[in-house]
């Protein structure tokens, strides 16, 4: 592969970081109460679903430490 012989001017990148426009963007429109409550309801639904899944999923993830004793107890109950 060959290298470039002429210098590459990267000064424009440094100047772009310092450049500030004197034109400000228009302010964001305020959300109405219906939009605010709708977004809050969606957020609460998602958070409630995740916490419910965690609540009901944790017992399924627990390791059964009494694995061998549970089998013997169930065999004794059927006799």
N, C-alpha and C. Protein backbone atom coordinates (compact mmCIF):
# COMPACT_ATOMS: atom_id res chain seq x y z
N UNK A 1 0.85 -1.17 0.00
CA UNK A 1 0.00 0.00 0.00
C UNK A 1 0.90 1.24 0.00
N UNK A 2 0.49 2.25 -0.69
CA UNK A 2 1.28 3.46 -0.74
C UNK A 2 0.70 4.50 0.23
N UNK A 3 1.53 5.39 0.67
CA UNK A 3 1.11 6.45 1.59
C UNK A 3 0.92 7.74 0.81
N UNK A 4 0.05 8.57 1.31
CA UNK A 4 -0.15 9.87 0.69
C UNK A 4 1.04 10.77 0.96
N UNK A 5 1.41 11.52 -0.04
CA UNK A 5 2.54 12.42 0.12
C UNK A 5 2.08 13.81 0.56
N UNK A 6 0.88 14.22 0.16
CA UNK A 6 0.44 15.57 0.52
C UNK A 6 -0.22 15.52 1.91
N UNK A 7 -0.07 16.56 2.69
CA UNK A 7 -0.70 16.58 4.02
C UNK A 7 -2.23 16.71 3.89
N UNK A 8 -2.90 16.05 4.78
CA UNK A 8 -4.36 16.10 4.76
C UNK A 8 -4.80 17.14 5.79
N UNK A 9 -5.54 18.14 5.39
CA UNK A 9 -5.92 19.20 6.33
C UNK A 9 -7.10 18.75 7.20
N UNK A 10 -6.79 18.54 8.47
CA UNK A 10 -7.84 18.18 9.41
C UNK A 10 -8.21 19.34 10.32
N UNK A 11 -7.76 20.53 9.95
CA UNK A 11 -8.06 21.70 10.77
C UNK A 11 -9.55 22.00 10.79
N UNK A 12 -10.26 21.66 9.73
CA UNK A 12 -11.69 21.96 9.68
C UNK A 12 -12.46 21.17 10.73
N UNK A 13 -11.96 20.01 11.12
CA UNK A 13 -12.62 19.22 12.16
C UNK A 13 -12.50 19.92 13.50
N UNK A 14 -11.32 20.45 13.81
CA UNK A 14 -11.13 21.17 15.06
C UNK A 14 -11.93 22.45 15.08
N UNK A 15 -12.04 23.13 13.94
CA UNK A 15 -12.82 24.35 13.88
C UNK A 15 -14.31 24.06 14.02
N UNK A 16 -14.76 22.93 13.56
CA UNK A 16 -16.18 22.60 13.65
C UNK A 16 -16.61 22.40 15.09
N UNK A 17 -15.72 21.93 15.96
CA UNK A 17 -16.07 21.76 17.37
C UNK A 17 -16.22 23.11 18.07
N UNK A 18 -15.47 24.09 17.64
CA UNK A 18 -15.52 25.40 18.29
C UNK A 18 -16.60 26.30 17.72
N UNK A 19 -17.12 25.99 16.55
CA UNK A 19 -18.08 26.87 15.90
C UNK A 19 -19.43 26.80 16.61
N UNK A 20 -19.97 27.95 16.93
CA UNK A 20 -21.29 28.03 17.53
C UNK A 20 -22.16 28.95 16.67
N UNK A 21 -23.34 28.51 16.43
CA UNK A 21 -24.25 29.30 15.64
C UNK A 21 -24.95 30.33 16.52
N UNK A 22 -25.30 31.46 15.94
CA UNK A 22 -26.05 32.46 16.68
C UNK A 22 -27.55 32.29 16.49
N UNK A 23 -27.95 31.24 15.78
CA UNK A 23 -29.36 30.95 15.56
C UNK A 23 -29.77 29.86 16.53
N UNK A 24 -30.74 30.17 17.36
CA UNK A 24 -31.21 29.18 18.34
C UNK A 24 -32.41 28.44 17.75
N UNK A 25 -32.50 27.15 18.01
CA UNK A 25 -33.66 26.40 17.51
C UNK A 25 -34.92 26.83 18.27
N UNK A 26 -36.06 26.63 17.66
CA UNK A 26 -37.30 27.01 18.34
C UNK A 26 -37.53 26.13 19.57
N UNK A 27 -38.18 26.64 20.60
CA UNK A 27 -38.41 25.82 21.80
C UNK A 27 -39.37 24.68 21.51
N UNK A 28 -39.19 23.61 22.25
CA UNK A 28 -40.06 22.45 22.07
C UNK A 28 -41.47 22.78 22.56
N UNK A 29 -42.46 22.29 21.86
CA UNK A 29 -43.83 22.52 22.36
C UNK A 29 -44.08 21.69 23.61
N UNK A 30 -44.82 22.26 24.54
CA UNK A 30 -45.11 21.56 25.79
C UNK A 30 -46.10 20.44 25.53
N UNK A 31 -45.93 19.35 26.27
CA UNK A 31 -46.85 18.23 26.13
C UNK A 31 -48.16 18.54 26.85
N UNK A 32 -49.24 18.07 26.29
CA UNK A 32 -50.52 18.26 26.94
C UNK A 32 -50.66 17.27 28.09
N UNK A 33 -51.68 17.47 28.91
CA UNK A 33 -51.89 16.56 30.03
C UNK A 33 -52.20 15.15 29.55
N UNK A 34 -52.94 15.04 28.48
CA UNK A 34 -53.28 13.71 27.95
C UNK A 34 -52.02 12.97 27.49
N UNK A 35 -51.12 13.68 26.83
CA UNK A 35 -49.87 13.05 26.40
C UNK A 35 -49.02 12.66 27.60
N UNK A 36 -48.98 13.53 28.62
CA UNK A 36 -48.20 13.24 29.81
C UNK A 36 -48.74 12.00 30.53
N UNK A 37 -50.06 11.94 30.73
CA UNK A 37 -50.65 10.79 31.41
C UNK A 37 -50.56 9.52 30.56
N UNK A 38 -50.64 9.66 29.25
CA UNK A 38 -50.48 8.50 28.38
C UNK A 38 -49.08 7.91 28.46
N UNK A 39 -48.09 8.78 28.45
CA UNK A 39 -46.72 8.30 28.56
C UNK A 39 -46.46 7.72 29.94
N UNK A 40 -47.04 8.33 30.98
CA UNK A 40 -46.89 7.79 32.33
C UNK A 40 -47.53 6.42 32.44
N UNK A 41 -48.69 6.25 31.82
CA UNK A 41 -49.38 4.96 31.86
C UNK A 41 -48.57 3.88 31.15
N UNK A 42 -47.99 4.23 30.02
CA UNK A 42 -47.16 3.26 29.29
C UNK A 42 -45.93 2.89 30.12
N UNK A 43 -45.31 3.89 30.76
CA UNK A 43 -44.13 3.62 31.59
C UNK A 43 -44.49 2.73 32.77
N UNK A 44 -45.59 3.02 33.43
CA UNK A 44 -46.01 2.19 34.57
C UNK A 44 -46.36 0.77 34.13
N UNK A 45 -46.94 0.62 32.96
CA UNK A 45 -47.27 -0.71 32.46
C UNK A 45 -46.01 -1.52 32.18
N UNK A 46 -45.02 -0.89 31.56
CA UNK A 46 -43.78 -1.60 31.26
C UNK A 46 -43.04 -1.96 32.54
N UNK A 47 -42.94 -1.01 33.47
CA UNK A 47 -42.25 -1.28 34.74
C UNK A 47 -42.99 -2.35 35.54
N UNK A 48 -44.32 -2.28 35.56
CA UNK A 48 -45.11 -3.29 36.26
C UNK A 48 -44.95 -4.67 35.64
N UNK A 49 -44.91 -4.73 34.32
CA UNK A 49 -44.72 -6.02 33.65
C UNK A 49 -43.37 -6.63 33.94
N UNK A 50 -42.34 -5.80 33.92
CA UNK A 50 -41.00 -6.32 34.22
C UNK A 50 -40.86 -6.76 35.67
N UNK A 51 -41.42 -5.97 36.58
CA UNK A 51 -41.32 -6.36 37.99
C UNK A 51 -42.19 -7.58 38.27
N UNK A 52 -43.34 -7.72 37.62
CA UNK A 52 -44.16 -8.91 37.78
C UNK A 52 -43.47 -10.15 37.24
N UNK A 53 -42.82 -10.01 36.10
CA UNK A 53 -42.08 -11.14 35.54
C UNK A 53 -40.94 -11.55 36.45
N UNK A 54 -40.29 -10.56 37.05
CA UNK A 54 -39.21 -10.86 37.99
C UNK A 54 -39.76 -11.52 39.25
N UNK A 55 -40.89 -11.03 39.73
CA UNK A 55 -41.50 -11.57 40.93
C UNK A 55 -41.93 -13.02 40.74
N UNK A 56 -42.57 -13.31 39.61
CA UNK A 56 -43.03 -14.68 39.37
C UNK A 56 -41.93 -15.58 38.82
N UNK A 57 -40.87 -15.00 38.27
CA UNK A 57 -39.79 -15.80 37.69
C UNK A 57 -38.73 -16.21 38.68
N UNK A 58 -38.57 -15.47 39.76
CA UNK A 58 -37.52 -15.81 40.73
C UNK A 58 -37.72 -17.18 41.38
N UNK A 59 -38.92 -17.58 41.79
CA UNK A 59 -39.05 -18.93 42.36
C UNK A 59 -38.67 -20.04 41.38
N UNK A 60 -38.89 -19.81 40.11
CA UNK A 60 -38.52 -20.82 39.11
C UNK A 60 -37.01 -20.90 38.94
N UNK A 61 -36.29 -19.85 39.27
CA UNK A 61 -34.85 -19.84 39.12
C UNK A 61 -34.13 -20.36 40.36
N UNK A 62 -34.83 -20.56 41.45
CA UNK A 62 -34.21 -21.06 42.67
C UNK A 62 -33.79 -22.51 42.48
N UNK A 63 -32.60 -22.84 42.97
CA UNK A 63 -32.15 -24.22 42.88
C UNK A 63 -32.76 -25.01 44.02
N UNK A 64 -33.19 -26.20 43.69
CA UNK A 64 -33.81 -27.07 44.69
C UNK A 64 -32.71 -27.78 45.47
N UNK A 65 -32.51 -27.40 46.72
CA UNK A 65 -31.45 -28.01 47.53
C UNK A 65 -31.88 -29.33 48.14
N UNK A 66 -33.18 -29.57 48.21
CA UNK A 66 -33.66 -30.83 48.80
C UNK A 66 -34.09 -31.78 47.68
N UNK A 67 -33.30 -31.88 46.63
CA UNK A 67 -33.65 -32.70 45.47
C UNK A 67 -33.75 -34.18 45.80
N UNK A 68 -32.78 -34.74 46.51
CA UNK A 68 -32.79 -36.18 46.76
C UNK A 68 -33.76 -36.53 47.90
N UNK A 69 -33.92 -35.65 48.90
CA UNK A 69 -34.82 -35.97 50.01
C UNK A 69 -36.27 -35.86 49.58
N UNK A 70 -36.58 -35.00 48.60
CA UNK A 70 -37.96 -34.88 48.13
C UNK A 70 -38.42 -36.14 47.43
N UNK A 71 -37.54 -36.83 46.74
CA UNK A 71 -37.90 -38.06 46.05
C UNK A 71 -38.21 -39.15 47.08
N UNK A 72 -37.42 -39.26 48.14
CA UNK A 72 -37.65 -40.27 49.15
C UNK A 72 -38.94 -39.99 49.91
N UNK A 73 -39.22 -38.76 50.17
CA UNK A 73 -40.45 -38.44 50.89
C UNK A 73 -41.66 -38.75 50.06
N UNK A 74 -41.62 -38.50 48.74
CA UNK A 74 -42.77 -38.78 47.92
C UNK A 74 -42.97 -40.30 47.76
N UNK A 75 -41.88 -41.08 47.72
CA UNK A 75 -42.01 -42.53 47.65
C UNK A 75 -42.61 -43.08 48.93
N UNK A 76 -42.24 -42.52 50.06
CA UNK A 76 -42.77 -42.98 51.33
C UNK A 76 -44.26 -42.62 51.48
N UNK A 77 -44.66 -41.54 50.89
CA UNK A 77 -46.07 -41.12 50.98
C UNK A 77 -46.95 -42.03 50.13
N UNK A 78 -46.45 -42.61 49.05
CA UNK A 78 -47.25 -43.45 48.18
C UNK A 78 -47.36 -44.90 48.68
N UNK A 79 -46.58 -45.27 49.68
CA UNK A 79 -46.60 -46.66 50.16
C UNK A 79 -47.73 -46.92 51.08
